[in-house]
Amino acid sequence: MSKDGMKTCPTCGEQIAASAKSCPNCGAKNKKPFFKRPIGIIIILVVVIGVIGSFAGSGGSDSDPAGSSDSASKEKKIEYTAYSVNEMMKDLDENAANADEKYRDKYVEISGKLGTIDSEGDYFDLMPTNDEFAVLGVTCNIQNDDQLAQIKKLKKGAKMTVRGQITDVGEVIAYSLDIDEIK
């Protein structure tokens, strides 16, 4: 922009007054550059503050000083509560709503006897030891090939203990558990 209050129209190249709302020659609007308008300044400031904040936030109090992975440190913090399938089935039979509240999403160590083993290798049932005609128990969802290999070595009726998280509770399905460990 020149000192006499004139500037060049970006559309047609003619000289126009810097304060003109539009070019008298071509009619193009005479706007300030985006970064000189109030809204442009605000947007630029928000972006700069966001970038600075993201760098400051990634400093990381979440990092483990020992350098171990998050999954390993989470695994160490899990505390399993021991139950028998007998106890769990009694709780379910007495009051399914209370059983749901007691067991759902909890980490448990469950003892019982091996029931049905799924032919696809997706799950097996852990049944009560005090009822040989039981139809319902804990459906244990196999999570990996190592667990499947362990189950393939066992026979129906074998006494066993599993650790994992109860994912579902109900009077029709009884219990569902995602296995962490087979003992």
Protein backbone atom coordinates (compact mmCIF):
# COMPACT_ATOMS: atom_id res chain seq x y z
CA MET A 1 0.00 0.00 0.00
CA SER A 2 1.31 3.45 -0.86
CA LYS A 3 1.60 6.35 1.56
CA ASP A 4 -1.20 8.37 -0.01
CA GLY A 5 -3.92 5.96 1.17
CA MET A 6 -4.14 4.10 -2.13
CA LYS A 7 -3.65 0.43 -2.87
CA THR A 8 -3.76 -1.86 -5.86
CA CYS A 9 -6.97 -3.81 -6.54
CA PRO A 10 -6.06 -7.52 -6.35
CA THR A 11 -8.57 -8.32 -9.11
CA CYS A 12 -7.96 -5.76 -11.85
CA GLY A 13 -4.71 -4.08 -10.74
CA GLU A 14 -6.05 -0.48 -10.73
CA GLN A 15 -5.24 1.94 -7.92
CA ILE A 16 -8.11 2.36 -5.44
CA ALA A 17 -8.52 4.07 -2.09
CA ALA A 18 -7.49 1.79 0.78
CA SER A 19 -10.73 2.66 2.57
CA ALA A 20 -12.97 1.88 -0.43
CA LYS A 21 -15.45 -0.96 0.11
CA SER A 22 -15.12 -2.05 -3.52
CA CYS A 23 -13.09 -1.26 -6.61
CA PRO A 24 -14.79 1.45 -8.74
CA ASN A 25 -13.25 -0.09 -11.86
CA CYS A 26 -14.19 -3.82 -11.53
CA GLY A 27 -16.48 -3.91 -8.49
CA ALA A 28 -14.37 -6.42 -6.55
CA LYS A 29 -14.70 -6.14 -2.78
CA ASN A 30 -11.82 -4.46 -1.02
CA LYS A 31 -11.24 -6.74 1.98
CA LYS A 32 -8.44 -6.73 4.49
CA PRO A 33 -6.33 -9.88 4.41
CA PHE A 34 -7.78 -12.64 6.62
CA PHE A 35 -5.03 -12.40 9.22
CA LYS A 36 -5.71 -8.63 9.69
CA ARG A 37 -9.45 -9.07 10.32
CA PRO A 38 -10.66 -9.60 13.92
CA ILE A 39 -12.06 -13.07 13.19
CA GLY A 40 -8.81 -14.10 11.52
CA ILE A 41 -6.79 -12.97 14.51
CA ILE A 42 -9.06 -14.92 16.88
CA ILE A 43 -8.81 -18.11 14.81
CA ILE A 44 -5.03 -17.85 14.57
CA LEU A 45 -4.76 -17.34 18.36
CA VAL A 46 -6.98 -20.37 19.07
CA VAL A 47 -4.88 -22.57 16.77
CA VAL A 48 -1.60 -21.36 18.31
CA ILE A 49 -2.91 -21.92 21.86
CA GLY A 50 -4.15 -25.40 20.88
CA VAL A 51 -0.77 -26.36 19.43
CA ILE A 52 1.07 -25.09 22.51
CA GLY A 53 -1.41 -26.90 24.77
CA SER A 54 -0.96 -30.18 22.94
CA PHE A 55 2.80 -30.02 23.36
CA ALA A 56 2.47 -29.12 27.04
CA GLY A 57 -0.08 -31.91 27.62
CA SER A 58 2.09 -34.59 26.05
CA GLY A 59 4.73 -34.17 28.73
CA GLY A 60 3.17 -37.23 30.22
CA SER A 61 2.67 -37.97 33.86
CA ASP A 62 1.15 -41.18 32.46
CA SER A 63 4.51 -42.62 31.50
CA ASP A 64 5.87 -45.44 33.60
CA PRO A 65 9.26 -44.53 35.12
CA ALA A 66 10.38 -48.14 34.90
CA GLY A 67 9.72 -48.09 31.18
CA SER A 68 7.30 -51.03 31.21
CA SER A 69 4.31 -51.06 28.93
CA ASP A 70 0.89 -49.83 30.05
CA SER A 71 -0.65 -53.27 29.61
CA ALA A 72 1.96 -54.86 31.88
CA SER A 73 1.37 -52.31 34.63
CA LYS A 74 -2.41 -52.68 34.30
CA GLU A 75 -2.06 -56.46 34.48
CA LYS A 76 -0.19 -56.16 37.78
CA LYS A 77 -2.96 -54.04 39.29
CA ILE A 78 -5.76 -56.53 38.61
CA GLU A 79 -6.93 -58.29 41.76
CA TYR A 80 -9.03 -61.39 41.23
CA THR A 81 -11.71 -62.39 43.72
CA ALA A 82 -12.02 -66.16 44.17
CA TYR A 83 -15.42 -67.86 43.76
CA SER A 84 -16.65 -71.33 42.96
CA VAL A 85 -19.14 -71.92 40.16
CA ASN A 86 -21.33 -73.51 42.85
CA GLU A 87 -21.48 -70.19 44.74
CA MET A 88 -22.09 -68.15 41.59
CA MET A 89 -24.95 -70.37 40.44
CA LYS A 90 -26.55 -70.24 43.90
CA ASP A 91 -26.36 -66.42 43.83
CA LEU A 92 -27.91 -66.36 40.35
CA ASP A 93 -30.69 -68.74 41.37
CA GLU A 94 -31.55 -66.72 44.50
CA ASN A 95 -31.60 -63.28 42.80
CA ALA A 96 -30.32 -62.60 39.28
CA ALA A 97 -30.34 -58.80 39.79
CA ASN A 98 -28.09 -59.10 42.85
CA ALA A 99 -25.84 -61.58 41.05
CA ASP A 100 -25.52 -59.14 38.15
CA GLU A 101 -24.49 -56.36 40.53
CA LYS A 102 -22.04 -58.62 42.38
CA TYR A 103 -20.26 -60.17 39.39
CA ARG A 104 -20.67 -58.11 36.18
CA ASP A 105 -17.41 -56.44 35.03
CA LYS A 106 -15.52 -57.92 38.01
CA TYR A 107 -12.23 -59.77 37.78
CA VAL A 108 -12.69 -63.22 39.24
CA GLU A 109 -10.87 -66.49 39.81
CA ILE A 110 -13.42 -69.27 39.36
CA SER A 111 -13.15 -72.96 40.23
CA GLY A 112 -15.42 -75.62 38.79
CA LYS A 113 -15.46 -78.59 36.45
CA LEU A 114 -14.97 -78.49 32.71
CA GLY A 115 -18.23 -78.80 30.81
CA THR A 116 -18.84 -78.50 27.08
CA ILE A 117 -15.88 -77.53 24.89
CA ASP A 118 -16.93 -75.69 21.74
CA SER A 119 -15.91 -77.51 18.55
CA GLU A 120 -14.82 -74.19 16.99
CA GLY A 121 -12.56 -73.51 19.98
CA ASP A 122 -14.30 -70.25 20.89
CA TYR A 123 -15.43 -71.15 24.41
CA PHE A 124 -15.93 -73.81 27.04
CA ASP A 125 -18.31 -74.08 29.99
CA LEU A 126 -17.17 -74.20 33.59
CA MET A 127 -19.84 -76.04 35.55
CA PRO A 128 -20.72 -76.46 39.24
CA THR A 129 -19.07 -79.41 40.96
CA ASN A 130 -22.10 -80.14 43.17
CA ASP A 131 -24.65 -80.73 40.36
CA GLU A 132 -23.85 -83.35 37.74
CA PHE A 133 -27.04 -82.50 35.79
CA ALA A 134 -26.41 -78.73 35.66
CA VAL A 135 -27.14 -77.13 32.31
CA LEU A 136 -25.94 -73.62 33.13
CA GLY A 137 -22.53 -72.47 34.30
CA VAL A 138 -19.90 -69.95 33.29
CA THR A 139 -19.24 -69.65 29.57
CA CYS A 140 -15.51 -68.96 29.33
CA ASN A 141 -14.54 -67.17 26.11
CA ILE A 142 -11.15 -68.32 24.84
CA GLN A 143 -8.97 -65.33 23.98
CA ASN A 144 -5.91 -66.85 22.27
CA ASP A 145 -4.29 -69.98 20.85
CA ASP A 146 -2.37 -70.74 24.06
CA GLN A 147 -5.62 -70.96 26.03
CA LEU A 148 -7.14 -73.16 23.33
CA ALA A 149 -4.12 -75.48 23.46
CA GLN A 150 -4.51 -75.80 27.25
CA ILE A 151 -8.20 -76.69 26.93
CA LYS A 152 -7.54 -79.26 24.21
CA LYS A 153 -5.41 -81.21 26.71
CA LEU A 154 -8.32 -81.56 29.18
CA LYS A 155 -11.35 -83.81 29.29
CA LYS A 156 -14.91 -82.96 30.20
CA GLY A 157 -15.38 -83.16 33.97
CA ALA A 158 -11.81 -82.09 34.82
CA LYS A 159 -11.60 -79.75 37.80
CA MET A 160 -10.02 -76.43 36.88
CA THR A 161 -9.65 -72.76 37.75
CA VAL A 162 -9.77 -69.79 35.40
CA ARG A 163 -9.14 -66.08 35.86
CA GLY A 164 -10.84 -63.36 33.88
CA GLN A 165 -13.52 -60.70 33.73
CA ILE A 166 -17.25 -61.42 33.91
CA THR A 167 -18.81 -59.71 30.89
CA ASP A 168 -22.43 -60.80 31.16
CA VAL A 169 -24.85 -62.14 33.77
CA GLY A 170 -28.39 -63.39 33.20
CA GLU A 171 -30.85 -66.09 34.10
CA VAL A 172 -30.87 -67.49 30.55
CA ILE A 173 -27.14 -67.43 29.81
CA ALA A 174 -25.88 -67.57 33.43
CA TYR A 175 -22.39 -66.04 33.27
CA SER A 176 -19.97 -65.10 30.51
CA LEU A 177 -16.28 -64.59 31.20
CA ASP A 178 -13.36 -63.37 29.06
CA ILE A 179 -10.39 -65.49 30.09
CA ASP A 180 -7.13 -63.91 31.22
CA GLU A 181 -5.53 -67.10 32.49
CA ILE A 182 -6.23 -70.82 32.82
CA LYS A 183 -4.68 -72.33 35.94
